[in-house]
Amino acid sequence: GANGLANPRDFLVPVAWFEDRQVPGGYTVISKYQGKLFAAQQDYSPYNVVAWHGNYTPYKYHLEKFMVINAVAFDHADPSIFTVLTAKTTRAGVALADFVIFPPRWGVANNTFRPPYYHRNCMSEFMGLIKGHYEAKEEGFQPGGGSLHSMMTPHGPDADCFEKASKAQLEPERVADGTMAFMFESSLSLAVTKWGLQTSNRLDKNYYKCWEPLKSHFNPKCK
């Protein structure tokens, strides 16, 4: 619609359906509770529900249907303009969690460093990559990977991205074509599990090195 972003019409919910049948060996119903899996056996299908009453409904949404809003004059807009879903707190303007994506779009801002700027955030940022390459870190961040920048932790584009964007001709260009990155932003402090830090053996201990080549370009005479 005229307001852009995620349109309600694009969220799809299941249609009414049921089955009443038995199979050799029965059914195994698996539930997850507090990080653990539990299994139960039964003879009949778990989908023998005829009626659905209430508003707690599973849904799906195709991220490519997101109608992007972006800066069309100058400056890099806050990534909250890419919010798909938000969970509110009791405090106005503070989200418990925002689900944000970085979809394919046009970049046209003039007199602007177009990639995400260097910053510290009062929110925790968990980034993930579904496909392609993330615009602020094209190397070493693979689909299925994730990064966590805890609140007030400085971060931003890697050195290669900075050099490339600083020298680029500011012409209209496609950004993030063939990619899809996402971010969960939360006002809560997030912790990493022992599995993520140790057991998985997938922790990139050299992640910080992508910023080491950055140099100071400050010039007090420039206005």
N, C-alpha and C. Protein backbone atom coordinates (compact mmCIF):
# COMPACT_ATOMS: atom_id res chain seq x y z
N GLY A 1 0.81 -1.20 0.00
CA GLY A 1 0.00 0.00 0.00
C GLY A 1 0.85 1.26 0.00
N ALA A 2 0.22 2.39 0.27
CA ALA A 2 0.90 3.67 0.22
C ALA A 2 1.92 3.84 1.33
N ASN A 3 1.81 3.07 2.40
CA ASN A 3 2.73 3.21 3.53
C ASN A 3 3.98 2.37 3.40
N GLY A 4 4.04 1.47 2.41
CA GLY A 4 5.23 0.68 2.18
C GLY A 4 5.48 -0.36 3.26
N LEU A 5 6.74 -0.81 3.33
CA LEU A 5 7.19 -1.82 4.29
C LEU A 5 6.45 -3.14 4.09
N ALA A 6 6.04 -3.80 5.16
CA ALA A 6 5.40 -5.11 5.07
C ALA A 6 3.88 -4.94 5.07
N ASN A 7 3.25 -5.28 3.95
CA ASN A 7 1.80 -5.13 3.84
C ASN A 7 1.08 -6.33 4.46
N PRO A 8 0.03 -6.08 5.24
CA PRO A 8 -0.71 -7.18 5.88
C PRO A 8 -1.20 -8.23 4.89
N ARG A 9 -1.54 -7.81 3.68
CA ARG A 9 -2.09 -8.76 2.71
C ARG A 9 -1.08 -9.84 2.32
N ASP A 10 0.22 -9.59 2.55
CA ASP A 10 1.25 -10.54 2.13
C ASP A 10 1.58 -11.58 3.19
N PHE A 11 0.97 -11.47 4.36
CA PHE A 11 1.16 -12.49 5.39
C PHE A 11 0.12 -13.59 5.17
N LEU A 12 0.59 -14.80 4.94
CA LEU A 12 -0.28 -15.91 4.59
C LEU A 12 -0.47 -16.84 5.78
N VAL A 13 -1.71 -17.29 5.98
CA VAL A 13 -2.04 -18.20 7.07
C VAL A 13 -2.64 -19.48 6.49
N PRO A 14 -2.59 -20.57 7.23
CA PRO A 14 -3.12 -21.83 6.71
C PRO A 14 -4.63 -21.78 6.49
N VAL A 15 -5.11 -22.56 5.53
CA VAL A 15 -6.55 -22.71 5.34
C VAL A 15 -7.01 -23.92 6.15
N ALA A 16 -8.31 -24.00 6.40
CA ALA A 16 -8.86 -25.09 7.20
C ALA A 16 -8.58 -26.44 6.52
N TRP A 17 -8.09 -27.40 7.32
CA TRP A 17 -7.75 -28.71 6.78
C TRP A 17 -7.61 -29.68 7.94
N PHE A 18 -7.97 -30.94 7.72
CA PHE A 18 -7.78 -31.95 8.75
C PHE A 18 -7.60 -33.30 8.07
N GLU A 19 -7.12 -34.26 8.85
CA GLU A 19 -7.05 -35.63 8.36
C GLU A 19 -7.40 -36.59 9.50
N ASP A 20 -7.98 -37.72 9.14
CA ASP A 20 -8.35 -38.73 10.12
C ASP A 20 -7.87 -40.08 9.60
N ARG A 21 -6.62 -40.42 9.93
CA ARG A 21 -6.07 -41.66 9.41
C ARG A 21 -5.02 -42.22 10.37
N GLN A 22 -4.72 -43.47 10.18
CA GLN A 22 -3.69 -44.14 10.96
C GLN A 22 -2.63 -44.69 10.00
N VAL A 23 -1.39 -44.78 10.48
CA VAL A 23 -0.30 -45.30 9.67
C VAL A 23 0.43 -46.36 10.48
N PRO A 24 1.08 -47.32 9.81
CA PRO A 24 1.85 -48.34 10.54
C PRO A 24 2.91 -47.70 11.42
N GLY A 25 2.96 -48.09 12.66
CA GLY A 25 3.94 -47.52 13.58
C GLY A 25 3.46 -46.31 14.32
N GLY A 26 2.30 -45.75 13.91
CA GLY A 26 1.74 -44.60 14.60
C GLY A 26 2.47 -43.30 14.30
N TYR A 27 2.23 -42.30 15.14
CA TYR A 27 2.79 -40.96 14.96
C TYR A 27 3.68 -40.60 16.15
N THR A 28 4.71 -39.85 15.88
CA THR A 28 5.57 -39.30 16.93
C THR A 28 5.38 -37.78 16.97
N VAL A 29 4.91 -37.27 18.07
CA VAL A 29 4.70 -35.84 18.25
C VAL A 29 5.88 -35.29 19.05
N ILE A 30 6.60 -34.35 18.45
CA ILE A 30 7.80 -33.78 19.08
C ILE A 30 7.52 -32.34 19.49
N SER A 31 7.80 -32.01 20.75
CA SER A 31 7.62 -30.66 21.26
C SER A 31 8.93 -30.15 21.85
N LYS A 32 9.14 -28.85 21.72
CA LYS A 32 10.33 -28.23 22.30
C LYS A 32 9.90 -27.34 23.46
N TYR A 33 10.55 -27.51 24.61
CA TYR A 33 10.22 -26.72 25.79
C TYR A 33 11.50 -26.41 26.55
N GLN A 34 11.77 -25.11 26.74
CA GLN A 34 12.94 -24.64 27.48
C GLN A 34 14.23 -25.27 26.95
N GLY A 35 14.34 -25.30 25.63
CA GLY A 35 15.57 -25.75 25.00
C GLY A 35 15.73 -27.25 24.89
N LYS A 36 14.72 -28.02 25.30
CA LYS A 36 14.80 -29.48 25.22
C LYS A 36 13.67 -30.02 24.36
N LEU A 37 13.91 -31.18 23.72
CA LEU A 37 12.93 -31.82 22.87
C LEU A 37 12.28 -32.99 23.61
N PHE A 38 10.96 -33.10 23.46
CA PHE A 38 10.20 -34.17 24.09
C PHE A 38 9.38 -34.87 23.01
N ALA A 39 9.28 -36.19 23.09
CA ALA A 39 8.56 -36.98 22.09
C ALA A 39 7.48 -37.81 22.75
N ALA A 40 6.34 -37.93 22.05
CA ALA A 40 5.23 -38.76 22.52
C ALA A 40 4.68 -39.56 21.34
N GLN A 41 4.22 -40.76 21.60
CA GLN A 41 3.67 -41.64 20.57
C GLN A 41 2.14 -41.67 20.67
N GLN A 42 1.49 -41.74 19.51
CA GLN A 42 0.04 -41.90 19.49
C GLN A 42 -0.39 -42.62 18.21
N ASP A 43 -1.58 -43.23 18.24
CA ASP A 43 -2.04 -44.04 17.12
C ASP A 43 -2.67 -43.21 16.00
N TYR A 44 -3.23 -42.06 16.34
CA TYR A 44 -4.00 -41.27 15.37
C TYR A 44 -3.23 -40.02 14.95
N SER A 45 -3.64 -39.44 13.84
CA SER A 45 -2.97 -38.25 13.31
C SER A 45 -3.13 -37.07 14.26
N PRO A 46 -2.08 -36.28 14.47
CA PRO A 46 -2.21 -35.08 15.31
C PRO A 46 -2.96 -33.95 14.59
N TYR A 47 -3.29 -34.17 13.33
CA TYR A 47 -3.99 -33.14 12.56
C TYR A 47 -5.48 -33.44 12.42
N ASN A 48 -6.05 -34.08 13.43
CA ASN A 48 -7.48 -34.38 13.38
C ASN A 48 -8.29 -33.29 14.07
N VAL A 49 -7.89 -32.06 13.89
CA VAL A 49 -8.58 -30.90 14.47
C VAL A 49 -9.55 -30.36 13.42
N VAL A 50 -10.80 -30.24 13.78
CA VAL A 50 -11.82 -29.80 12.84
C VAL A 50 -12.04 -28.29 12.92
N ALA A 51 -11.91 -27.71 14.10
CA ALA A 51 -12.21 -26.29 14.28
C ALA A 51 -10.97 -25.54 14.76
N TRP A 52 -10.91 -24.27 14.39
CA TRP A 52 -9.82 -23.40 14.85
C TRP A 52 -10.45 -22.13 15.40
N HIS A 53 -10.18 -21.85 16.66
CA HIS A 53 -10.78 -20.67 17.28
C HIS A 53 -9.69 -19.91 18.02
N GLY A 54 -9.61 -18.61 17.79
CA GLY A 54 -8.60 -17.80 18.46
C GLY A 54 -7.82 -16.98 17.45
N ASN A 55 -6.80 -16.30 17.91
CA ASN A 55 -6.01 -15.43 17.03
C ASN A 55 -4.52 -15.74 17.08
N TYR A 56 -4.16 -16.90 17.61
CA TYR A 56 -2.75 -17.33 17.65
C TYR A 56 -2.53 -18.26 16.47
N THR A 57 -2.20 -17.67 15.33
CA THR A 57 -2.18 -18.40 14.07
C THR A 57 -0.78 -18.42 13.47
N PRO A 58 -0.30 -19.57 13.02
CA PRO A 58 0.99 -19.58 12.29
C PRO A 58 0.84 -18.86 10.96
N TYR A 59 1.90 -18.22 10.52
CA TYR A 59 1.85 -17.49 9.26
C TYR A 59 3.20 -17.55 8.57
N LYS A 60 3.22 -17.18 7.32
CA LYS A 60 4.48 -17.06 6.59
C LYS A 60 4.46 -15.78 5.77
N TYR A 61 5.67 -15.29 5.45
CA TYR A 61 5.80 -14.03 4.72
C TYR A 61 7.00 -14.12 3.81
N HIS A 62 6.81 -13.77 2.55
CA HIS A 62 7.90 -13.79 1.57
C HIS A 62 8.65 -12.46 1.67
N LEU A 63 9.92 -12.52 2.09
CA LEU A 63 10.68 -11.29 2.33
C LEU A 63 10.83 -10.43 1.09
N GLU A 64 10.78 -11.03 -0.09
CA GLU A 64 10.93 -10.25 -1.32
C GLU A 64 9.69 -9.41 -1.63
N LYS A 65 8.63 -9.56 -0.87
CA LYS A 65 7.44 -8.72 -1.04
C LYS A 65 7.53 -7.43 -0.24
N PHE A 66 8.60 -7.27 0.54
CA PHE A 66 8.79 -6.06 1.35
C PHE A 66 8.98 -4.85 0.45
N MET A 67 8.18 -3.80 0.69
CA MET A 67 8.27 -2.58 -0.12
C MET A 67 9.24 -1.61 0.57
N VAL A 68 10.42 -1.45 -0.03
CA VAL A 68 11.53 -0.74 0.62
C VAL A 68 11.30 0.77 0.65
N ILE A 69 11.60 1.37 1.78
CA ILE A 69 11.68 2.82 1.93
C ILE A 69 13.16 3.17 2.08
N ASN A 70 13.62 4.24 1.43
CA ASN A 70 15.04 4.56 1.49
C ASN A 70 15.27 6.05 1.33
N ALA A 71 16.49 6.50 1.65
CA ALA A 71 16.87 7.89 1.46
C ALA A 71 17.05 8.17 -0.03
N VAL A 72 16.43 9.21 -0.54
CA VAL A 72 16.52 9.53 -1.97
C VAL A 72 17.21 10.87 -2.21
N ALA A 73 17.76 11.50 -1.17
CA ALA A 73 18.47 12.78 -1.34
C ALA A 73 19.89 12.66 -0.80
N PHE A 74 20.04 12.52 0.52
CA PHE A 74 21.36 12.39 1.13
C PHE A 74 21.23 11.69 2.47
N ASP A 75 22.36 11.27 3.02
CA ASP A 75 22.47 10.58 4.31
C ASP A 75 22.02 9.12 4.23
N HIS A 76 22.55 8.35 5.18
CA HIS A 76 22.21 6.93 5.30
C HIS A 76 21.15 6.81 6.38
N ALA A 77 19.95 6.41 6.00
CA ALA A 77 18.84 6.34 6.95
C ALA A 77 19.03 5.21 7.96
N ASP A 78 18.47 5.39 9.14
CA ASP A 78 18.54 4.36 10.17
C ASP A 78 17.89 3.07 9.65
N PRO A 79 18.48 1.90 9.95
CA PRO A 79 17.94 0.63 9.42
C PRO A 79 16.54 0.29 9.92
N SER A 80 16.01 1.07 10.85
CA SER A 80 14.64 0.80 11.30
C SER A 80 13.63 0.99 10.17
N ILE A 81 14.05 1.66 9.08
CA ILE A 81 13.15 1.81 7.93
C ILE A 81 12.92 0.47 7.22
N PHE A 82 13.73 -0.54 7.57
CA PHE A 82 13.57 -1.87 6.97
C PHE A 82 12.88 -2.86 7.92
N THR A 83 12.18 -2.35 8.93
CA THR A 83 11.54 -3.22 9.91
C THR A 83 10.35 -3.95 9.30
N VAL A 84 10.38 -5.27 9.40
CA VAL A 84 9.28 -6.11 8.92
C VAL A 84 8.26 -6.33 10.04
N LEU A 85 8.74 -6.71 11.21
CA LEU A 85 7.88 -6.96 12.37
C LEU A 85 8.51 -6.36 13.61
N THR A 86 7.69 -5.95 14.55
CA THR A 86 8.20 -5.41 15.81
C THR A 86 7.39 -5.94 16.98
N ALA A 87 8.06 -6.14 18.10
CA ALA A 87 7.40 -6.52 19.35
C ALA A 87 7.60 -5.37 20.33
N LYS A 88 6.53 -4.75 20.75
CA LYS A 88 6.60 -3.55 21.57
C LYS A 88 6.87 -3.87 23.04
N THR A 89 7.38 -2.88 23.75
CA THR A 89 7.44 -2.93 25.20
C THR A 89 6.39 -1.98 25.75
N THR A 90 6.31 -1.88 27.06
CA THR A 90 5.36 -0.94 27.67
C THR A 90 5.85 0.50 27.58
N ARG A 91 7.09 0.68 27.14
CA ARG A 91 7.67 2.02 27.01
C ARG A 91 7.57 2.48 25.57
N ALA A 92 6.95 3.60 25.34
CA ALA A 92 6.74 4.10 23.99
C ALA A 92 8.06 4.31 23.26
N GLY A 93 8.16 3.80 22.04
CA GLY A 93 9.34 3.99 21.23
C GLY A 93 10.46 3.00 21.47
N VAL A 94 10.29 2.09 22.41
CA VAL A 94 11.31 1.09 22.72
C VAL A 94 10.76 -0.29 22.37
N ALA A 95 11.45 -0.98 21.48
CA ALA A 95 10.99 -2.30 21.04
C ALA A 95 11.67 -3.40 21.85
N LEU A 96 10.90 -4.41 22.18
CA LEU A 96 11.49 -5.60 22.77
C LEU A 96 12.36 -6.28 21.72
N ALA A 97 11.84 -6.34 20.49
CA ALA A 97 12.61 -6.89 19.37
C ALA A 97 12.04 -6.36 18.06
N ASP A 98 12.92 -5.98 17.16
CA ASP A 98 12.57 -5.63 15.79
C ASP A 98 13.18 -6.67 14.86
N PHE A 99 12.41 -7.11 13.88
CA PHE A 99 12.93 -7.99 12.83
C PHE A 99 13.11 -7.14 11.59
N VAL A 100 14.37 -6.99 11.15
CA VAL A 100 14.73 -6.08 10.07
C VAL A 100 15.41 -6.87 8.95
N ILE A 101 15.17 -6.47 7.70
CA ILE A 101 15.87 -7.09 6.58
C ILE A 101 16.59 -6.02 5.77
N PHE A 102 17.56 -6.47 4.97
CA PHE A 102 18.31 -5.57 4.08
C PHE A 102 18.14 -6.08 2.66
N PRO A 103 17.02 -5.72 2.02
CA PRO A 103 16.65 -6.31 0.73
C PRO A 103 17.30 -5.59 -0.44
N PRO A 104 17.24 -6.16 -1.63
CA PRO A 104 17.72 -5.47 -2.84
C PRO A 104 16.99 -4.14 -3.02
N ARG A 105 17.74 -3.11 -3.42
CA ARG A 105 17.15 -1.77 -3.52
C ARG A 105 18.07 -0.87 -4.34
N TRP A 106 17.65 0.36 -4.55
CA TRP A 106 18.49 1.35 -5.21
C TRP A 106 19.17 2.23 -4.16
N GLY A 107 20.45 2.57 -4.40
CA GLY A 107 21.17 3.54 -3.59
C GLY A 107 21.41 4.78 -4.42
N VAL A 108 20.91 5.93 -3.97
CA VAL A 108 21.00 7.16 -4.78
C VAL A 108 21.46 8.36 -3.98
N ALA A 109 21.78 8.20 -2.69
CA ALA A 109 22.11 9.33 -1.84
C ALA A 109 23.39 10.03 -2.30
N ASN A 110 23.35 11.36 -2.37
CA ASN A 110 24.51 12.17 -2.76
C ASN A 110 25.27 12.66 -1.52
N ASN A 111 26.58 12.94 -1.73
CA ASN A 111 27.43 13.46 -0.65
C ASN A 111 27.30 12.60 0.61
N THR A 112 27.32 11.28 0.41
CA THR A 112 27.00 10.35 1.49
C THR A 112 27.90 9.12 1.44
N PHE A 113 28.33 8.66 2.60
CA PHE A 113 28.94 7.34 2.71
C PHE A 113 27.79 6.35 2.75
N ARG A 114 27.56 5.63 1.68
CA ARG A 114 26.33 4.86 1.52
C ARG A 114 26.22 3.58 2.35
N PRO A 115 27.30 2.86 2.60
CA PRO A 115 27.15 1.66 3.45
C PRO A 115 26.72 2.02 4.87
N PRO A 116 26.35 1.04 5.68
CA PRO A 116 26.02 1.32 7.08
C PRO A 116 27.16 2.07 7.77
N TYR A 117 26.83 3.10 8.50
CA TYR A 117 27.86 3.92 9.13
C TYR A 117 28.42 3.26 10.39
N TYR A 118 29.57 3.73 10.83
CA TYR A 118 30.17 3.25 12.08
C TYR A 118 29.39 3.85 13.25
N HIS A 119 29.07 3.00 14.22
CA HIS A 119 28.20 3.48 15.29
C HIS A 119 28.28 2.58 16.52
N ARG A 120 27.70 3.08 17.59
CA ARG A 120 27.37 2.27 18.76
C ARG A 120 25.86 2.37 18.95
N ASN A 121 25.27 1.31 19.47
CA ASN A 121 23.82 1.24 19.55
C ASN A 121 23.40 0.88 20.97
N CYS A 122 22.33 1.50 21.44
CA CYS A 122 21.80 1.14 22.76
C CYS A 122 21.02 -0.17 22.69
N MET A 123 20.88 -0.72 21.49
CA MET A 123 20.20 -2.00 21.29
C MET A 123 21.22 -3.08 20.95
N SER A 124 20.88 -4.33 21.22
CA SER A 124 21.69 -5.47 20.78
C SER A 124 21.33 -5.80 19.33
N GLU A 125 22.33 -6.11 18.52
CA GLU A 125 22.10 -6.40 17.11
C GLU A 125 22.60 -7.81 16.76
N PHE A 126 21.68 -8.67 16.37
CA PHE A 126 22.06 -9.99 15.87
C PHE A 126 21.79 -10.02 14.37
N MET A 127 22.87 -10.15 13.59
CA MET A 127 22.77 -10.17 12.13
C MET A 127 22.83 -11.61 11.62
N GLY A 128 22.15 -11.86 10.52
CA GLY A 128 22.21 -13.15 9.86
C GLY A 128 22.15 -12.97 8.36
N LEU A 129 22.67 -13.94 7.63
CA LEU A 129 22.68 -13.89 6.17
C LEU A 129 21.96 -15.11 5.63
N ILE A 130 20.95 -14.89 4.80
CA ILE A 130 20.19 -15.98 4.20
C ILE A 130 20.82 -16.42 2.89
N LYS A 131 21.19 -15.45 2.04
CA LYS A 131 21.81 -15.78 0.77
C LYS A 131 22.64 -14.60 0.29
N GLY A 132 23.59 -14.88 -0.61
CA GLY A 132 24.41 -13.82 -1.20
C GLY A 132 25.53 -13.35 -0.29
N HIS A 133 25.85 -12.05 -0.40
CA HIS A 133 26.92 -11.43 0.38
C HIS A 133 26.37 -10.19 1.08
N TYR A 134 26.73 -10.01 2.34
CA TYR A 134 26.29 -8.82 3.06
C TYR A 134 27.07 -7.62 2.58
N GLU A 135 26.38 -6.51 2.33
CA GLU A 135 26.99 -5.34 1.71
C GLU A 135 28.13 -4.72 2.51
N ALA A 136 28.10 -4.84 3.85
CA ALA A 136 29.13 -4.23 4.68
C ALA A 136 30.27 -5.18 5.02
N LYS A 137 30.14 -6.44 4.61
CA LYS A 137 31.20 -7.43 4.86
C LYS A 137 31.05 -8.55 3.84
N GLU A 138 31.64 -8.34 2.67
CA GLU A 138 31.43 -9.27 1.56
C GLU A 138 32.20 -10.57 1.72
N GLU A 139 33.28 -10.57 2.49
CA GLU A 139 34.08 -11.77 2.67
C GLU A 139 33.96 -12.29 4.11
N GLY A 140 33.90 -13.60 4.24
CA GLY A 140 33.93 -14.22 5.56
C GLY A 140 32.60 -14.30 6.29
N PHE A 141 31.55 -13.71 5.71
CA PHE A 141 30.22 -13.78 6.31
C PHE A 141 29.34 -14.56 5.35
N GLN A 142 29.14 -15.84 5.63
CA GLN A 142 28.51 -16.75 4.69
C GLN A 142 27.03 -16.97 5.02
N PRO A 143 26.23 -17.37 4.01
CA PRO A 143 24.83 -17.71 4.28
C PRO A 143 24.72 -18.77 5.37
N GLY A 144 23.83 -18.54 6.30
CA GLY A 144 23.71 -19.43 7.46
C GLY A 144 24.51 -18.94 8.65
N GLY A 145 25.37 -17.96 8.43
CA GLY A 145 26.18 -17.41 9.51
C GLY A 145 25.47 -16.27 10.22
N GLY A 146 26.00 -15.90 11.37
CA GLY A 146 25.42 -14.81 12.14
C GLY A 146 26.49 -14.06 12.91
N SER A 147 26.17 -12.85 13.31
CA SER A 147 27.09 -12.05 14.14
C SER A 147 26.27 -11.33 15.20
N LEU A 148 26.87 -11.15 16.36
CA LEU A 148 26.21 -10.46 17.46
C LEU A 148 27.07 -9.29 17.91
N HIS A 149 26.49 -8.09 17.85
CA HIS A 149 27.13 -6.90 18.40
C HIS A 149 26.28 -6.47 19.60
N SER A 150 26.81 -6.68 20.77
CA SER A 150 26.07 -6.35 21.99
C SER A 150 25.91 -4.84 22.10
N MET A 151 24.94 -4.42 22.89
CA MET A 151 24.66 -3.00 23.03
C MET A 151 25.90 -2.21 23.43
N MET A 152 26.07 -1.06 22.79
CA MET A 152 27.17 -0.12 23.00
C MET A 152 28.52 -0.65 22.52
N THR A 153 28.52 -1.70 21.68
CA THR A 153 29.76 -2.20 21.09
C THR A 153 29.99 -1.52 19.75
N PRO A 154 31.10 -0.80 19.56
CA PRO A 154 31.34 -0.12 18.28
C PRO A 154 31.48 -1.13 17.14
N HIS A 155 30.90 -0.82 15.99
CA HIS A 155 31.03 -1.69 14.83
C HIS A 155 30.62 -0.92 13.57
N GLY A 156 30.88 -1.54 12.43
CA GLY A 156 30.57 -0.92 11.14
C GLY A 156 31.20 -1.72 10.02
N PRO A 157 31.23 -1.16 8.81
CA PRO A 157 31.77 -1.88 7.65
C PRO A 157 33.23 -2.27 7.83
N ASP A 158 33.63 -3.36 7.16
CA ASP A 158 35.03 -3.76 7.23
C ASP A 158 35.89 -2.81 6.39
N ALA A 159 37.20 -2.99 6.46
CA ALA A 159 38.13 -2.06 5.81
C ALA A 159 37.95 -2.05 4.29
N ASP A 160 37.72 -3.21 3.69
CA ASP A 160 37.55 -3.27 2.24
C ASP A 160 36.32 -2.49 1.80
N CYS A 161 35.23 -2.64 2.54
CA CYS A 161 34.00 -1.92 2.22
C CYS A 161 34.20 -0.42 2.35
N PHE A 162 34.93 0.00 3.39
CA PHE A 162 35.18 1.43 3.60
C PHE A 162 35.96 2.03 2.44
N GLU A 163 37.04 1.36 2.03
CA GLU A 163 37.86 1.88 0.94
C GLU A 163 37.08 1.94 -0.36
N LYS A 164 36.33 0.90 -0.65
CA LYS A 164 35.56 0.85 -1.88
C LYS A 164 34.50 1.94 -1.93
N ALA A 165 33.76 2.11 -0.83
CA ALA A 165 32.68 3.09 -0.79
C ALA A 165 33.20 4.52 -0.76
N SER A 166 34.37 4.72 -0.16
CA SER A 166 34.93 6.07 -0.06
C SER A 166 35.40 6.59 -1.41
N LYS A 167 35.75 5.69 -2.32
CA LYS A 167 36.26 6.09 -3.63
C LYS A 167 35.23 5.95 -4.74
N ALA A 168 34.07 5.44 -4.42
CA ALA A 168 33.07 5.15 -5.46
C ALA A 168 32.45 6.42 -6.02
N GLN A 169 32.12 6.37 -7.30
CA GLN A 169 31.37 7.46 -7.93
C GLN A 169 29.92 7.38 -7.45
N LEU A 170 29.39 8.49 -6.95
CA LEU A 170 28.04 8.47 -6.39
C LEU A 170 27.00 8.61 -7.49
N GLU A 171 26.76 7.49 -8.14
CA GLU A 171 25.73 7.40 -9.16
C GLU A 171 24.65 6.43 -8.67
N PRO A 172 23.45 6.51 -9.23
CA PRO A 172 22.43 5.52 -8.85
C PRO A 172 22.95 4.10 -9.07
N GLU A 173 22.81 3.25 -8.07
CA GLU A 173 23.32 1.89 -8.17
C GLU A 173 22.40 0.92 -7.45
N ARG A 174 22.42 -0.31 -7.92
CA ARG A 174 21.69 -1.36 -7.24
C ARG A 174 22.49 -1.83 -6.03
N VAL A 175 21.81 -2.04 -4.92
CA VAL A 175 22.44 -2.48 -3.68
C VAL A 175 21.82 -3.81 -3.25
N ALA A 176 22.68 -4.74 -2.89
CA ALA A 176 22.25 -6.02 -2.30
C ALA A 176 21.46 -6.90 -3.26
N ASP A 177 21.66 -6.73 -4.57
CA ASP A 177 20.99 -7.63 -5.52
C ASP A 177 21.43 -9.08 -5.29
N GLY A 178 20.50 -9.99 -5.29
CA GLY A 178 20.81 -11.40 -5.11
C GLY A 178 21.17 -11.79 -3.69
N THR A 179 20.92 -10.89 -2.74
CA THR A 179 21.25 -11.17 -1.34
C THR A 179 20.02 -10.98 -0.46
N MET A 180 20.11 -11.48 0.75
CA MET A 180 19.10 -11.19 1.76
C MET A 180 19.72 -11.39 3.14
N ALA A 181 19.93 -10.28 3.82
CA ALA A 181 20.44 -10.30 5.20
C ALA A 181 19.32 -9.83 6.13
N PHE A 182 19.41 -10.23 7.38
CA PHE A 182 18.39 -9.84 8.35
C PHE A 182 19.05 -9.45 9.67
N MET A 183 18.27 -8.81 10.52
CA MET A 183 18.78 -8.42 11.84
C MET A 183 17.64 -8.48 12.86
N PHE A 184 17.94 -9.05 14.01
CA PHE A 184 17.08 -8.93 15.18
C PHE A 184 17.71 -7.87 16.07
N GLU A 185 16.98 -6.81 16.34
CA GLU A 185 17.46 -5.73 17.20
C GLU A 185 16.60 -5.71 18.47
N SER A 186 17.26 -5.77 19.62
CA SER A 186 16.53 -5.90 20.87
C SER A 186 17.05 -4.93 21.92
N SER A 187 16.15 -4.45 22.75
CA SER A 187 16.54 -3.58 23.87
C SER A 187 17.10 -4.39 25.03
N LEU A 188 17.08 -5.72 24.91
CA LEU A 188 17.62 -6.60 25.94
C LEU A 188 19.06 -7.00 25.60
N SER A 189 19.83 -7.32 26.61
CA SER A 189 21.18 -7.82 26.40
C SER A 189 21.11 -9.30 26.07
N LEU A 190 21.75 -9.71 24.98
CA LEU A 190 21.69 -11.09 24.52
C LEU A 190 22.95 -11.85 24.94
N ALA A 191 22.79 -13.13 25.23
CA ALA A 191 23.91 -13.98 25.60
C ALA A 191 24.07 -15.09 24.57
N VAL A 192 25.29 -15.57 24.40
CA VAL A 192 25.58 -16.65 23.46
C VAL A 192 25.69 -17.95 24.25
N THR A 193 25.09 -19.00 23.73
CA THR A 193 25.11 -20.29 24.42
C THR A 193 26.50 -20.92 24.39
N LYS A 194 26.71 -21.88 25.26
CA LYS A 194 27.97 -22.62 25.27
C LYS A 194 28.18 -23.35 23.95
N TRP A 195 27.07 -23.83 23.35
CA TRP A 195 27.17 -24.50 22.06
C TRP A 195 27.71 -23.54 21.00
N GLY A 196 27.23 -22.31 21.01
CA GLY A 196 27.68 -21.34 20.02
C GLY A 196 29.13 -20.93 20.21
N LEU A 197 29.55 -20.79 21.46
CA LEU A 197 30.91 -20.34 21.74
C LEU A 197 31.96 -21.45 21.65
N GLN A 198 31.56 -22.68 22.00
CA GLN A 198 32.55 -23.75 22.09
C GLN A 198 32.18 -25.00 21.28
N THR A 199 31.07 -25.61 21.63
CA THR A 199 30.74 -26.93 21.07
C THR A 199 30.63 -26.92 19.56
N SER A 200 30.04 -25.90 18.98
CA SER A 200 29.80 -25.87 17.53
C SER A 200 31.09 -25.82 16.72
N ASN A 201 32.14 -25.30 17.32
CA ASN A 201 33.43 -25.13 16.63
C ASN A 201 33.27 -24.27 15.37
N ARG A 202 32.38 -23.29 15.44
CA ARG A 202 32.12 -22.41 14.30
C ARG A 202 32.39 -20.94 14.62
N LEU A 203 32.93 -20.67 15.79
CA LEU A 203 33.18 -19.29 16.19
C LEU A 203 34.36 -18.71 15.42
N ASP A 204 34.16 -17.56 14.79
CA ASP A 204 35.22 -16.88 14.07
C ASP A 204 36.00 -16.00 15.06
N LYS A 205 37.11 -16.53 15.55
CA LYS A 205 37.90 -15.82 16.55
C LYS A 205 38.72 -14.67 15.95
N ASN A 206 38.76 -14.60 14.63
CA ASN A 206 39.50 -13.53 13.96
C ASN A 206 38.58 -12.46 13.39
N TYR A 207 37.34 -12.46 13.82
CA TYR A 207 36.34 -11.54 13.26
C TYR A 207 36.79 -10.08 13.38
N TYR A 208 37.38 -9.74 14.51
CA TYR A 208 37.77 -8.35 14.76
C TYR A 208 38.82 -7.83 13.79
N LYS A 209 39.55 -8.75 13.15
CA LYS A 209 40.65 -8.34 12.28
C LYS A 209 40.19 -7.63 11.01
N CYS A 210 38.91 -7.74 10.68
CA CYS A 210 38.41 -7.06 9.48
C CYS A 210 38.47 -5.55 9.63
N TRP A 211 38.61 -5.05 10.87
CA TRP A 211 38.69 -3.61 11.11
C TRP A 211 40.13 -3.12 11.33
N GLU A 212 41.08 -4.02 11.50
CA GLU A 212 42.44 -3.61 11.82
C GLU A 212 43.08 -2.73 10.75
N PRO A 213 42.81 -2.94 9.44
CA PRO A 213 43.45 -2.09 8.43
C PRO A 213 42.90 -0.67 8.37
N LEU A 214 41.81 -0.38 9.09
CA LEU A 214 41.23 0.96 9.05
C LEU A 214 42.21 2.00 9.60
N LYS A 215 42.27 3.15 8.95
CA LYS A 215 43.16 4.22 9.35
C LYS A 215 42.36 5.47 9.68
N SER A 216 42.96 6.35 10.44
CA SER A 216 42.30 7.62 10.76
C SER A 216 42.38 8.55 9.55
N HIS A 217 41.24 9.10 9.17
CA HIS A 217 41.18 10.06 8.07
C HIS A 217 40.72 11.43 8.57
N PHE A 218 40.79 11.64 9.88
CA PHE A 218 40.30 12.89 10.44
C PHE A 218 41.20 14.05 10.03
N ASN A 219 40.59 15.12 9.58
CA ASN A 219 41.31 16.33 9.20
C ASN A 219 40.55 17.53 9.76
N PRO A 220 41.08 18.17 10.81
CA PRO A 220 40.35 19.28 11.44
C PRO A 220 40.18 20.48 10.52
N LYS A 221 40.91 20.54 9.40
CA LYS A 221 40.80 21.67 8.48
C LYS A 221 39.66 21.50 7.48
N CYS A 222 39.14 20.28 7.39
CA CYS A 222 38.03 20.04 6.46
C CYS A 222 36.72 20.48 7.11
N LYS A 223 35.95 21.23 6.36
CA LYS A 223 34.66 21.71 6.86
C LYS A 223 33.58 21.43 5.82
